[in-house]
Amino acid sequence: MAPDLNSTKDLFVFLGKSVFSVLEDMVFTLIPKPQKNVAGEIVLITGAGSGLGRLLALKFASLGSVLVLWDINKEGTEETCEMAQAAGATRVYAYTCDCSQREEVYRVADQTSHSWATFFVAPRIHQCSEKKGTRPASNEQPYHIGKSLHMQKGKRESDYSDVQGQVKREVGDVSILINNAGIVTGKNFLDCPDELIEKSFDVNFKAHLWTYKAFLPAMIANDHGHLVCISSSAGLTGVNGLADYCASKFAAFGFAEAVFAETVAQKQMGIKTTIVCPLLINTGMFEGCTTKFPSLLPVLEPEYAVRKIVDAILQEKVYLYIPRVLYFLVFLKSILSSKIATLLCEYLGIFNVMDGFVGKKKKD
């Protein structure tokens, strides 16, 4: 009898919570969902040297967040740092970091009390350019540029004790982690060199593993944090000409969703997750790509995408697909036969999205 009673009780609890959740969702379709305050939150953004990462940094700067900017492009990171300062950021810390290299991520990342590896951060090399005619108040130096430290042959670990855990000393525990860095090869699978395939996985997926390892323990200890995965619509369905990219974005999506499930199962309610799957964004990464029906499947303007992403973070949404038609298309994919789904993709021109791809142009 006891097992039957427990099962009945669990059923009623499930139904009650489900009804409440449905009603809550209905209410928030009519009125805006309250947004959390991120002023003073420490926001780390990978791929912050240009494009979507730069715009995300500027948006969080305007919201009063403390920024930690990571990018492999030193000049781009410095430019973002200066722009964030102009946008009203209280503090900005910029580091040159190749997120595809696990050891480099660990060296640049903060060392936590639950650390299972040793992290190093390079000393500050100079202040981020100040506005002309202004100086930081008193002895404050709120705008910093850093660079990753590579262990030199023959040096002892103790030689670097002065820089160990520098991010934590200068910044504090990262509370919002935005894994945004990404690359695209734009080649058919058999035409793509092995090293480029590996690079796609290293940047688009594996970097998420290493940043989570570095920053999630402190979030758990503080029972406060937000993990943001910038995946892609190519992480929801396969796309012709994007085999390696799709695989890496599927992996990023699945990983973020699995860690979200872990936090829920372990009752870590202070840890939030947002998984973002946008269509093509006009940042230059997919230069030359077009859609057959731009009114239905538009190439997104980056400012619009950033606005939607930040709103989703502030409202603590778990999933964000943009444009909204992606929700319907993903639903159709789950119920239609493969033959009909293929016909639909042909009609919508999805198989030809990459035909005009030229990619991001490198600066001279």
Protein backbone atom coordinates (compact mmCIF):
# COMPACT_ATOMS: atom_id res chain seq x y z
CA MET A 1 0.00 0.00 0.00
CA ALA A 2 2.78 2.44 0.93
CA PRO A 3 4.40 2.43 -2.54
CA ASP A 4 0.99 3.04 -4.14
CA LEU A 5 0.31 5.97 -1.81
CA ASN A 6 3.70 7.45 -2.53
CA SER A 7 3.13 7.11 -6.26
CA THR A 8 -0.26 8.77 -5.97
CA LYS A 9 1.22 11.56 -3.88
CA ASP A 10 4.03 12.12 -6.40
CA LEU A 11 1.46 12.24 -9.21
CA PHE A 12 -0.62 14.91 -7.49
CA VAL A 13 2.47 16.95 -6.64
CA PHE A 14 3.56 16.76 -10.27
CA LEU A 15 0.12 17.77 -11.55
CA GLY A 16 -0.14 20.63 -9.08
CA LYS A 17 3.27 22.02 -9.96
CA SER A 18 2.54 21.60 -13.66
CA VAL A 19 -0.70 23.55 -13.44
CA PHE A 20 1.07 26.30 -11.52
CA SER A 21 3.88 26.44 -14.11
CA VAL A 22 1.42 26.60 -17.00
CA LEU A 23 -0.48 29.44 -15.33
CA GLU A 24 2.78 31.24 -14.62
CA ASP A 25 3.82 30.93 -18.27
CA MET A 26 0.43 32.26 -19.39
CA VAL A 27 0.73 35.27 -17.09
CA PHE A 28 4.21 36.11 -18.37
CA THR A 29 3.04 35.96 -21.98
CA LEU A 30 0.72 38.85 -21.13
CA ILE A 31 2.98 40.88 -18.86
CA PRO A 32 6.77 41.20 -18.94
CA LYS A 33 8.63 38.85 -16.63
CA PRO A 34 10.58 40.65 -13.89
CA GLN A 35 14.26 41.11 -14.69
CA LYS A 36 17.04 40.57 -12.19
CA ASN A 37 19.52 43.28 -11.32
CA VAL A 38 23.05 42.55 -12.61
CA ALA A 39 24.72 45.74 -11.32
CA GLY A 40 27.93 44.68 -9.61
CA GLU A 41 27.73 41.13 -10.99
CA ILE A 42 31.04 39.88 -12.41
CA VAL A 43 30.38 38.93 -16.03
CA LEU A 44 33.01 37.00 -18.00
CA ILE A 45 32.53 36.97 -21.78
CA THR A 46 34.65 34.84 -24.10
CA GLY A 47 35.15 36.06 -27.66
CA ALA A 48 34.73 39.63 -26.40
CA GLY A 49 37.13 41.19 -28.90
CA SER A 50 34.54 41.70 -31.63
CA GLY A 51 31.06 40.94 -32.90
CA LEU A 52 28.45 39.55 -30.55
CA GLY A 53 30.85 39.33 -27.60
CA ARG A 54 31.73 43.02 -27.87
CA LEU A 55 28.08 44.06 -28.02
CA LEU A 56 27.25 41.85 -25.03
CA ALA A 57 30.06 43.53 -23.11
CA LEU A 58 28.73 47.00 -23.94
CA LYS A 59 25.22 46.02 -22.90
CA PHE A 60 26.34 44.65 -19.54
CA ALA A 61 28.54 47.71 -19.09
CA SER A 62 25.43 49.89 -19.35
CA LEU A 63 23.76 47.70 -16.71
CA GLY A 64 26.55 48.33 -14.21
CA SER A 65 28.20 44.92 -14.33
CA VAL A 66 31.90 44.28 -13.72
CA LEU A 67 33.36 42.95 -16.96
CA VAL A 68 36.02 40.32 -17.56
CA LEU A 69 36.82 40.15 -21.26
CA TRP A 70 38.56 37.17 -22.88
CA ASP A 71 39.65 36.94 -26.48
CA ILE A 72 42.60 35.65 -28.48
CA ASN A 73 42.73 39.01 -30.28
CA LYS A 74 44.60 41.39 -27.96
CA GLU A 75 43.85 44.53 -29.97
CA GLY A 76 40.17 43.70 -30.25
CA THR A 77 39.93 43.06 -26.52
CA GLU A 78 41.58 46.39 -25.75
CA GLU A 79 39.14 48.17 -28.08
CA THR A 80 36.20 46.51 -26.36
CA CYS A 81 37.65 47.50 -23.00
CA GLU A 82 37.82 51.15 -24.01
CA MET A 83 34.33 51.06 -25.52
CA ALA A 84 32.94 49.48 -22.35
CA GLN A 85 34.55 52.26 -20.33
CA ALA A 86 32.86 54.82 -22.56
CA ALA A 87 29.56 52.95 -22.12
CA GLY A 88 29.74 53.49 -18.37
CA ALA A 89 31.36 50.30 -17.06
CA THR A 90 32.49 50.56 -13.45
CA ARG A 91 35.32 48.06 -13.84
CA VAL A 92 36.70 46.24 -16.88
CA TYR A 93 39.40 43.56 -16.91
CA ALA A 94 40.68 42.25 -20.25
CA TYR A 95 42.86 39.21 -20.83
CA THR A 96 44.32 37.68 -23.95
CA CYS A 97 43.25 34.04 -23.83
CA ASP A 98 43.03 31.28 -26.42
CA CYS A 99 39.96 29.45 -25.15
CA SER A 100 40.75 26.45 -27.33
CA GLN A 101 43.78 25.69 -25.13
CA ARG A 102 42.81 24.02 -21.88
CA GLU A 103 46.01 24.91 -20.05
CA GLU A 104 45.67 28.56 -21.07
CA VAL A 105 42.08 28.72 -19.82
CA TYR A 106 43.17 27.28 -16.49
CA ARG A 107 46.06 29.72 -16.16
CA VAL A 108 43.90 32.73 -16.90
CA ALA A 109 41.00 31.53 -14.79
CA ASP A 110 40.47 32.07 -11.10
CA GLN A 111 41.73 29.48 -8.62
CA THR A 112 38.84 28.31 -6.46
CA SER A 113 38.76 26.58 -3.12
CA HIS A 114 37.54 23.46 -4.92
CA SER A 115 40.31 23.73 -7.51
CA TRP A 116 41.69 20.53 -8.91
CA ALA A 117 44.32 22.29 -11.04
CA THR A 118 46.66 25.22 -10.65
CA PHE A 119 45.64 28.41 -12.44
CA PHE A 120 47.88 31.31 -13.35
CA VAL A 121 47.10 34.81 -14.52
CA ALA A 122 49.65 37.22 -15.88
CA PRO A 123 50.39 40.51 -14.18
CA ARG A 124 48.59 43.59 -15.36
CA ILE A 125 50.56 45.11 -18.25
CA HIS A 126 48.89 48.53 -18.34
CA GLN A 127 45.71 50.37 -17.70
CA CYS A 128 42.99 50.37 -20.31
CA SER A 129 43.13 53.70 -22.08
CA GLU A 130 41.39 56.34 -20.03
CA LYS A 131 39.09 59.00 -21.35
CA LYS A 132 41.05 62.08 -22.27
CA GLY A 133 41.31 64.50 -19.38
CA THR A 134 40.17 61.98 -16.76
CA ARG A 135 41.94 59.85 -14.20
CA PRO A 136 40.65 57.15 -11.86
CA ALA A 137 39.70 58.47 -8.45
CA SER A 138 42.38 58.14 -5.72
CA ASN A 139 44.45 55.00 -6.24
CA GLU A 140 41.79 53.05 -8.11
CA GLN A 141 42.76 51.42 -11.40
CA PRO A 142 39.47 49.99 -12.60
CA TYR A 143 40.41 49.30 -16.21
CA HIS A 144 43.04 46.65 -16.74
CA ILE A 145 44.53 44.69 -19.60
CA GLY A 146 46.02 41.32 -18.79
CA LYS A 147 47.67 38.54 -20.74
CA SER A 148 47.88 34.83 -20.20
CA LEU A 149 51.00 33.49 -18.55
CA HIS A 150 52.77 30.54 -20.10
CA MET A 151 54.94 28.46 -17.78
CA GLN A 152 58.52 28.88 -18.85
CA LYS A 153 60.81 25.90 -19.03
CA GLY A 154 62.95 25.56 -15.92
CA LYS A 155 60.76 27.83 -13.77
CA ARG A 156 59.37 26.50 -10.52
CA GLU A 157 55.68 26.87 -9.69
CA SER A 158 56.64 28.98 -6.67
CA ASP A 159 58.18 31.56 -9.02
CA TYR A 160 54.65 32.45 -10.08
CA SER A 161 53.07 32.67 -6.62
CA ASP A 162 52.71 36.44 -7.00
CA VAL A 163 50.39 36.08 -9.96
CA GLN A 164 48.59 32.92 -8.93
CA GLY A 165 44.88 33.60 -8.52
CA GLN A 166 45.25 37.21 -9.72
CA VAL A 167 41.84 37.33 -11.35
CA LYS A 168 40.23 36.42 -8.05
CA ARG A 169 42.22 39.06 -6.18
CA GLU A 170 41.53 41.78 -8.73
CA VAL A 171 38.01 40.88 -9.74
CA GLY A 172 36.37 38.31 -7.46
CA ASP A 173 34.26 35.25 -8.23
CA VAL A 174 32.72 35.25 -11.70
CA SER A 175 28.94 35.12 -11.31
CA ILE A 176 27.82 35.21 -14.96
CA LEU A 177 29.80 33.15 -17.47
CA ILE A 178 28.99 33.72 -21.15
CA ASN A 179 30.63 31.20 -23.47
CA ASN A 180 30.41 33.12 -26.72
CA ALA A 181 33.69 32.45 -28.57
CA GLY A 182 33.18 30.58 -31.83
CA ILE A 183 34.64 29.86 -35.25
CA VAL A 184 33.26 28.47 -38.50
CA THR A 185 35.10 26.76 -41.35
CA GLY A 186 32.22 26.77 -43.85
CA LYS A 187 33.56 23.74 -45.71
CA ASN A 188 31.95 20.48 -46.71
CA PHE A 189 33.02 17.72 -44.35
CA LEU A 190 35.40 15.89 -46.69
CA ASP A 191 36.97 19.17 -47.78
CA CYS A 192 37.68 20.28 -44.23
CA PRO A 193 41.23 19.58 -42.96
CA ASP A 194 41.46 17.58 -39.74
CA GLU A 195 43.15 20.43 -37.88
CA LEU A 196 40.25 22.79 -38.67
CA ILE A 197 37.72 20.22 -37.48
CA GLU A 198 39.66 19.86 -34.24
CA LYS A 199 39.86 23.64 -33.89
CA SER A 200 36.09 23.93 -34.30
CA PHE A 201 35.53 21.49 -31.45
CA ASP A 202 38.22 23.10 -29.29
CA VAL A 203 36.71 26.59 -29.58
CA ASN A 204 32.99 25.93 -30.02
CA PHE A 205 32.64 23.11 -27.49
CA LYS A 206 35.67 22.09 -25.45
CA ALA A 207 36.27 25.64 -24.23
CA HIS A 208 32.91 25.36 -22.46
CA LEU A 209 34.17 22.35 -20.53
CA TRP A 210 37.24 24.16 -19.29
CA THR A 211 35.50 27.41 -18.35
CA TYR A 212 32.80 25.49 -16.47
CA LYS A 213 35.49 23.55 -14.60
CA ALA A 214 37.21 26.81 -13.71
CA PHE A 215 34.23 28.91 -12.57
CA LEU A 216 31.35 26.60 -11.63
CA PRO A 217 32.83 25.48 -8.26
CA ALA A 218 32.77 29.04 -6.90
CA MET A 219 29.21 29.51 -8.16
CA ILE A 220 28.17 26.36 -6.32
CA ALA A 221 29.98 27.45 -3.16
CA ASN A 222 28.21 30.83 -3.30
CA ASP A 223 24.91 29.28 -4.44
CA HIS A 224 24.86 32.05 -7.00
CA GLY A 225 25.73 32.04 -10.68
CA HIS A 226 24.51 32.04 -14.25
CA LEU A 227 25.89 29.86 -17.06
CA VAL A 228 25.20 31.12 -20.58
CA CYS A 229 25.88 28.99 -23.64
CA ILE A 230 25.78 30.70 -27.02
CA SER A 231 25.00 27.71 -29.22
CA SER A 232 23.27 28.07 -32.60
CA SER A 233 20.29 27.02 -34.67
CA ALA A 234 22.95 24.73 -36.20
CA GLY A 235 23.00 23.05 -32.79
CA LEU A 236 19.37 22.07 -33.30
CA THR A 237 19.47 20.63 -36.82
CA GLY A 238 22.08 19.58 -39.35
CA VAL A 239 22.97 22.13 -42.05
CA ASN A 240 24.61 21.45 -45.40
CA GLY A 241 28.19 22.76 -45.39
CA LEU A 242 28.38 23.00 -41.61
CA ALA A 243 29.06 19.44 -40.49
CA ASP A 244 31.88 20.25 -38.07
CA TYR A 245 30.19 23.44 -36.87
CA CYS A 246 26.85 21.66 -36.28
CA ALA A 247 28.57 18.85 -34.40
CA SER A 248 30.38 21.30 -32.11
CA LYS A 249 27.24 23.34 -31.47
CA PHE A 250 25.14 20.21 -30.81
CA ALA A 251 27.80 19.23 -28.29
CA ALA A 252 27.77 22.66 -26.64
CA PHE A 253 23.98 22.56 -26.38
CA GLY A 254 23.93 19.04 -24.95
CA PHE A 255 26.67 19.81 -22.45
CA ALA A 256 24.98 22.97 -21.18
CA GLU A 257 21.65 21.15 -20.92
CA ALA A 258 23.26 18.23 -19.04
CA VAL A 259 24.95 20.55 -16.52
CA PHE A 260 21.62 22.33 -16.09
CA ALA A 261 20.07 18.93 -15.29
CA GLU A 262 22.85 18.30 -12.76
CA THR A 263 22.20 21.57 -10.96
CA VAL A 264 18.48 20.82 -10.79
CA ALA A 265 19.02 17.25 -9.58
CA GLN A 266 21.46 18.46 -6.90
CA LYS A 267 19.06 21.23 -5.78
CA GLN A 268 21.55 23.96 -6.67
CA MET A 269 18.76 26.44 -7.27
CA GLY A 270 21.05 29.45 -7.19
CA ILE A 271 22.77 28.32 -10.40
CA LYS A 272 20.88 29.43 -13.52
CA THR A 273 21.39 28.36 -17.13
CA THR A 274 20.52 30.03 -20.42
CA ILE A 275 21.09 28.26 -23.75
CA VAL A 276 20.90 30.51 -26.81
CA CYS A 277 20.29 29.22 -30.33
CA PRO A 278 20.22 32.08 -32.84
CA LEU A 279 19.92 31.86 -36.60
CA LEU A 280 22.59 33.58 -38.68
CA ILE A 281 23.78 36.84 -37.11
CA ASN A 282 25.20 39.64 -39.22
CA THR A 283 28.56 39.87 -37.45
CA GLY A 284 30.70 38.86 -40.42
CA MET A 285 31.24 35.26 -39.32
CA PHE A 286 28.71 34.03 -41.88
CA GLU A 287 29.43 36.70 -44.46
CA GLY A 288 27.80 35.88 -47.79
CA CYS A 289 25.13 33.57 -46.37
CA THR A 290 21.50 34.30 -47.19
CA THR A 291 18.11 32.72 -46.62
CA LYS A 292 15.41 32.04 -49.20
CA PHE A 293 12.66 33.63 -47.08
CA PRO A 294 14.28 36.47 -45.09
CA SER A 295 10.94 37.57 -43.68
CA LEU A 296 10.55 34.13 -42.08
CA LEU A 297 14.20 33.25 -41.47
CA PRO A 298 16.05 36.56 -41.32
CA VAL A 299 19.76 37.15 -40.96
CA LEU A 300 19.66 38.74 -37.52
CA GLU A 301 21.06 42.15 -36.77
CA PRO A 302 23.56 41.79 -33.90
CA GLU A 303 22.00 44.57 -31.81
CA TYR A 304 18.64 42.78 -31.93
CA ALA A 305 20.23 39.45 -31.03
CA VAL A 306 22.09 40.97 -28.08
CA ARG A 307 18.93 42.62 -26.79
CA LYS A 308 17.11 39.27 -26.87
CA ILE A 309 20.03 37.42 -25.27
CA VAL A 310 20.42 39.88 -22.42
CA ASP A 311 16.67 39.92 -21.80
CA ALA A 312 16.72 36.11 -21.60
CA ILE A 313 19.58 36.23 -19.09
CA LEU A 314 17.87 38.88 -16.96
CA GLN A 315 14.62 36.89 -17.02
CA GLU A 316 16.52 33.64 -16.33
CA LYS A 317 15.09 31.83 -19.33
CA VAL A 318 16.62 28.39 -19.90
CA TYR A 319 16.13 28.33 -23.69
CA LEU A 320 16.19 31.13 -26.23
CA TYR A 321 15.70 30.45 -29.94
CA ILE A 322 15.76 33.46 -32.25
CA PRO A 323 13.79 34.12 -34.34
CA ARG A 324 10.76 32.59 -32.61
CA VAL A 325 9.85 30.53 -35.69
CA LEU A 326 12.70 28.18 -34.70
CA TYR A 327 10.55 26.85 -31.84
CA PHE A 328 7.93 25.78 -34.37
CA LEU A 329 10.45 24.33 -36.81
CA VAL A 330 12.10 22.26 -34.07
CA PHE A 331 8.65 20.98 -33.11
CA LEU A 332 7.94 20.04 -36.72
CA LYS A 333 11.24 18.20 -36.91
CA SER A 334 10.20 16.03 -33.96
CA ILE A 335 6.85 14.97 -35.45
CA LEU A 336 7.35 14.90 -39.23
CA SER A 337 8.76 11.96 -41.14
CA SER A 338 12.32 12.39 -42.40
CA LYS A 339 11.04 12.53 -45.98
CA ILE A 340 8.62 15.39 -45.30
CA ALA A 341 11.18 17.18 -43.16
CA THR A 342 13.67 16.96 -46.05
CA LEU A 343 11.10 18.37 -48.46
CA LEU A 344 10.43 21.23 -46.05
CA CYS A 345 14.16 22.01 -45.79
CA GLU A 346 14.43 22.05 -49.58
CA TYR A 347 11.45 24.38 -49.87
CA LEU A 348 12.79 26.77 -47.21
CA GLY A 349 16.22 26.75 -48.87
CA ILE A 350 17.97 25.51 -45.74
CA PHE A 351 20.24 23.24 -47.81
CA ASN A 352 21.52 26.28 -49.71
CA VAL A 353 22.15 28.72 -46.86
CA MET A 354 25.93 28.28 -47.12
CA ASP A 355 26.17 28.56 -50.92
CA GLY A 356 27.43 32.14 -50.85
CA PHE A 357 29.62 31.79 -47.75
CA VAL A 358 32.85 33.78 -47.77
CA GLY A 359 33.40 34.09 -44.01
CA LYS A 360 34.84 36.88 -41.96
CA LYS A 361 37.37 38.99 -43.81
CA LYS A 362 40.71 39.38 -42.05
CA LYS A 363 42.05 42.86 -41.46
CA ASP A 364 45.12 43.77 -43.46
